[in-house]
Amino acid sequence: MNNQDRAAKAIKFAAARGYTPEQIATLLNELNLLAPDLPEPSPGTDGALIWHNGEVWLEDNDTDVYTDLHSPFDWMTTDQARNLAHALLAAANYTEEE
């Protein structure tokens, strides 16, 4: 069963019990079926926006990525990779909305 199937099952369960939309959203969140909130940017110099501790920069709708990795032998933890991925997605979404 994929996440869409699990969400449909949870919504059906909640709707049959008269849950409000807020209660259904809470249920979906408790079942880890909602995407995490994306990080907000911080202001940088010259109007740039920065995500993920300065590793993702957006300036003039061009996204530049900087990482702390200095050699092919450096590795990110899964949490670092996930946070960087969320920052990249947030920057891409921001660019599309502008």
C-alpha atoms as a PDB file:
ATOM      1  CA  MET A   1       0.000   0.000   0.000  1.00  0.00           C
ATOM      2  CA  ASN A   2       1.471   3.380  -1.003  1.00  0.00           C
ATOM      3  CA  ASN A   3       1.046   6.720   0.806  1.00  0.00           C
ATOM      4  CA  GLN A   4      -1.866   7.750  -1.397  1.00  0.00           C
ATOM      5  CA  ASP A   5      -3.711   4.543  -0.472  1.00  0.00           C
ATOM      6  CA  ARG A   6      -2.925   5.070   3.228  1.00  0.00           C
ATOM      7  CA  ALA A   7      -4.148   8.675   3.055  1.00  0.00           C
ATOM      8  CA  ALA A   8      -7.374   7.638   1.326  1.00  0.00           C
ATOM      9  CA  LYS A   9      -7.967   4.965   3.969  1.00  0.00           C
ATOM     10  CA  ALA A  10      -7.334   7.467   6.787  1.00  0.00           C
ATOM     11  CA  ILE A  11      -9.632  10.067   5.221  1.00  0.00           C
ATOM     12  CA  LYS A  12     -12.386   7.487   4.746  1.00  0.00           C
ATOM     13  CA  PHE A  13     -11.974   6.392   8.385  1.00  0.00           C
ATOM     14  CA  ALA A  14     -12.092   9.987   9.638  1.00  0.00           C
ATOM     15  CA  ALA A  15     -14.999  11.052   7.408  1.00  0.00           C
ATOM     16  CA  ALA A  16     -17.090   8.087   8.621  1.00  0.00           C
ATOM     17  CA  ARG A  17     -16.596   9.337  12.179  1.00  0.00           C
ATOM     18  CA  GLY A  18     -17.478  12.948  11.401  1.00  0.00           C
ATOM     19  CA  TYR A  19     -13.980  14.393  11.780  1.00  0.00           C
ATOM     20  CA  THR A  20     -13.553  18.063  10.875  1.00  0.00           C
ATOM     21  CA  PRO A  21     -11.046  18.999   8.163  1.00  0.00           C
ATOM     22  CA  GLU A  22      -8.619  20.115  10.886  1.00  0.00           C
ATOM     23  CA  GLN A  23      -8.938  16.745  12.648  1.00  0.00           C
ATOM     24  CA  ILE A  24      -8.360  14.907   9.360  1.00  0.00           C
ATOM     25  CA  ALA A  25      -5.262  17.020   8.720  1.00  0.00           C
ATOM     26  CA  THR A  26      -4.015  16.210  12.229  1.00  0.00           C
ATOM     27  CA  LEU A  27      -4.608  12.501  11.619  1.00  0.00           C
ATOM     28  CA  LEU A  28      -2.719  12.608   8.315  1.00  0.00           C
ATOM     29  CA  ASN A  29       0.144  14.437  10.032  1.00  0.00           C
ATOM     30  CA  GLU A  30       0.265  11.882  12.870  1.00  0.00           C
ATOM     31  CA  LEU A  31       0.451   9.116  10.264  1.00  0.00           C
ATOM     32  CA  ASN A  32       3.369  10.953   8.555  1.00  0.00           C
ATOM     33  CA  LEU A  33       1.337  11.355   5.383  1.00  0.00           C
ATOM     34  CA  LEU A  34       1.893  15.106   5.031  1.00  0.00           C
ATOM     35  CA  ALA A  35       5.035  16.612   3.565  1.00  0.00           C
ATOM     36  CA  PRO A  36       7.132  18.562   6.067  1.00  0.00           C
ATOM     37  CA  ASP A  37       6.980  22.338   5.977  1.00  0.00           C
ATOM     38  CA  LEU A  38       9.697  23.790   3.788  1.00  0.00           C
ATOM     39  CA  PRO A  39      12.161  26.200   5.372  1.00  0.00           C
ATOM     40  CA  GLU A  40      11.743  29.953   4.988  1.00  0.00           C
ATOM     41  CA  PRO A  41      14.617  31.943   3.492  1.00  0.00           C
ATOM     42  CA  SER A  42      16.837  34.329   5.375  1.00  0.00           C
ATOM     43  CA  PRO A  43      17.817  37.660   3.817  1.00  0.00           C
ATOM     44  CA  GLY A  44      21.298  37.769   2.338  1.00  0.00           C
ATOM     45  CA  THR A  45      23.377  40.564   0.881  1.00  0.00           C
ATOM     46  CA  ASP A  46      22.274  42.518  -2.191  1.00  0.00           C
ATOM     47  CA  GLY A  47      18.726  41.143  -2.024  1.00  0.00           C
ATOM     48  CA  ALA A  48      19.757  37.483  -2.137  1.00  0.00           C
ATOM     49  CA  LEU A  49      17.721  34.908  -0.240  1.00  0.00           C
ATOM     50  CA  ILE A  50      19.464  32.131   1.664  1.00  0.00           C
ATOM     51  CA  TRP A  51      18.315  28.707   2.829  1.00  0.00           C
ATOM     52  CA  HIS A  52      19.994  25.924   4.818  1.00  0.00           C
ATOM     53  CA  ASN A  53      22.688  27.846   6.683  1.00  0.00           C
ATOM     54  CA  GLY A  54      23.884  29.626   3.566  1.00  0.00           C
ATOM     55  CA  GLU A  55      24.227  26.547   1.390  1.00  0.00           C
ATOM     56  CA  VAL A  56      21.426  27.475  -1.014  1.00  0.00           C
ATOM     57  CA  TRP A  57      21.388  30.995  -2.430  1.00  0.00           C
ATOM     58  CA  LEU A  58      18.795  32.612  -4.696  1.00  0.00           C
ATOM     59  CA  GLU A  59      19.821  35.811  -6.411  1.00  0.00           C
ATOM     60  CA  ASP A  60      18.093  37.323  -9.452  1.00  0.00           C
ATOM     61  CA  ASN A  61      16.062  34.095  -9.842  1.00  0.00           C
ATOM     62  CA  ASP A  62      19.243  32.074 -10.318  1.00  0.00           C
ATOM     63  CA  THR A  63      19.730  29.317  -7.767  1.00  0.00           C
ATOM     64  CA  ASP A  64      23.319  28.689  -6.739  1.00  0.00           C
ATOM     65  CA  VAL A  65      24.198  25.817  -4.447  1.00  0.00           C
ATOM     66  CA  TYR A  66      27.096  25.838  -2.037  1.00  0.00           C
ATOM     67  CA  THR A  67      27.878  22.916   0.212  1.00  0.00           C
ATOM     68  CA  ASP A  68      30.366  22.126   2.948  1.00  0.00           C
ATOM     69  CA  LEU A  69      31.576  19.094   1.012  1.00  0.00           C
ATOM     70  CA  HIS A  70      35.167  19.646  -0.066  1.00  0.00           C
ATOM     71  CA  SER A  71      36.196  16.315  -1.478  1.00  0.00           C
ATOM     72  CA  PRO A  72      34.593  13.184  -2.873  1.00  0.00           C
ATOM     73  CA  PHE A  73      35.465  11.484   0.425  1.00  0.00           C
ATOM     74  CA  ASP A  74      33.235  13.771   2.503  1.00  0.00           C
ATOM     75  CA  TRP A  75      29.733  12.466   3.159  1.00  0.00           C
ATOM     76  CA  MET A  76      26.439  13.970   4.292  1.00  0.00           C
ATOM     77  CA  THR A  77      24.322  12.329   6.916  1.00  0.00           C
ATOM     78  CA  THR A  78      20.803  11.419   5.851  1.00  0.00           C
ATOM     79  CA  ASP A  79      19.462  14.342   7.916  1.00  0.00           C
ATOM     80  CA  GLN A  80      21.889  16.774   6.246  1.00  0.00           C
ATOM     81  CA  ALA A  81      20.894  15.501   2.802  1.00  0.00           C
ATOM     82  CA  ARG A  82      17.184  15.736   3.629  1.00  0.00           C
ATOM     83  CA  ASN A  83      17.563  19.302   4.969  1.00  0.00           C
ATOM     84  CA  LEU A  84      19.527  20.315   1.880  1.00  0.00           C
ATOM     85  CA  ALA A  85      16.861  18.741  -0.361  1.00  0.00           C
ATOM     86  CA  HIS A  86      14.117  20.681   1.448  1.00  0.00           C
ATOM     87  CA  ALA A  87      16.117  23.901   1.065  1.00  0.00           C
ATOM     88  CA  LEU A  88      16.551  23.271  -2.668  1.00  0.00           C
ATOM     89  CA  LEU A  89      12.841  22.574  -3.080  1.00  0.00           C
ATOM     90  CA  ALA A  90      11.943  25.730  -1.132  1.00  0.00           C
ATOM     91  CA  ALA A  91      14.235  27.839  -3.340  1.00  0.00           C
ATOM     92  CA  ALA A  92      12.801  26.290  -6.507  1.00  0.00           C
ATOM     93  CA  ASN A  93       9.227  26.877  -5.305  1.00  0.00           C
ATOM     94  CA  TYR A  94      10.055  30.489  -4.445  1.00  0.00           C
ATOM     95  CA  THR A  95      11.486  31.045  -7.923  1.00  0.00           C
ATOM     96  CA  GLU A  96       8.332  29.645  -9.580  1.00  0.00           C
ATOM     97  CA  GLU A  97       6.038  31.795  -7.418  1.00  0.00           C
ATOM     98  CA  GLU A  98       7.834  35.052  -8.242  1.00  0.00           C
END
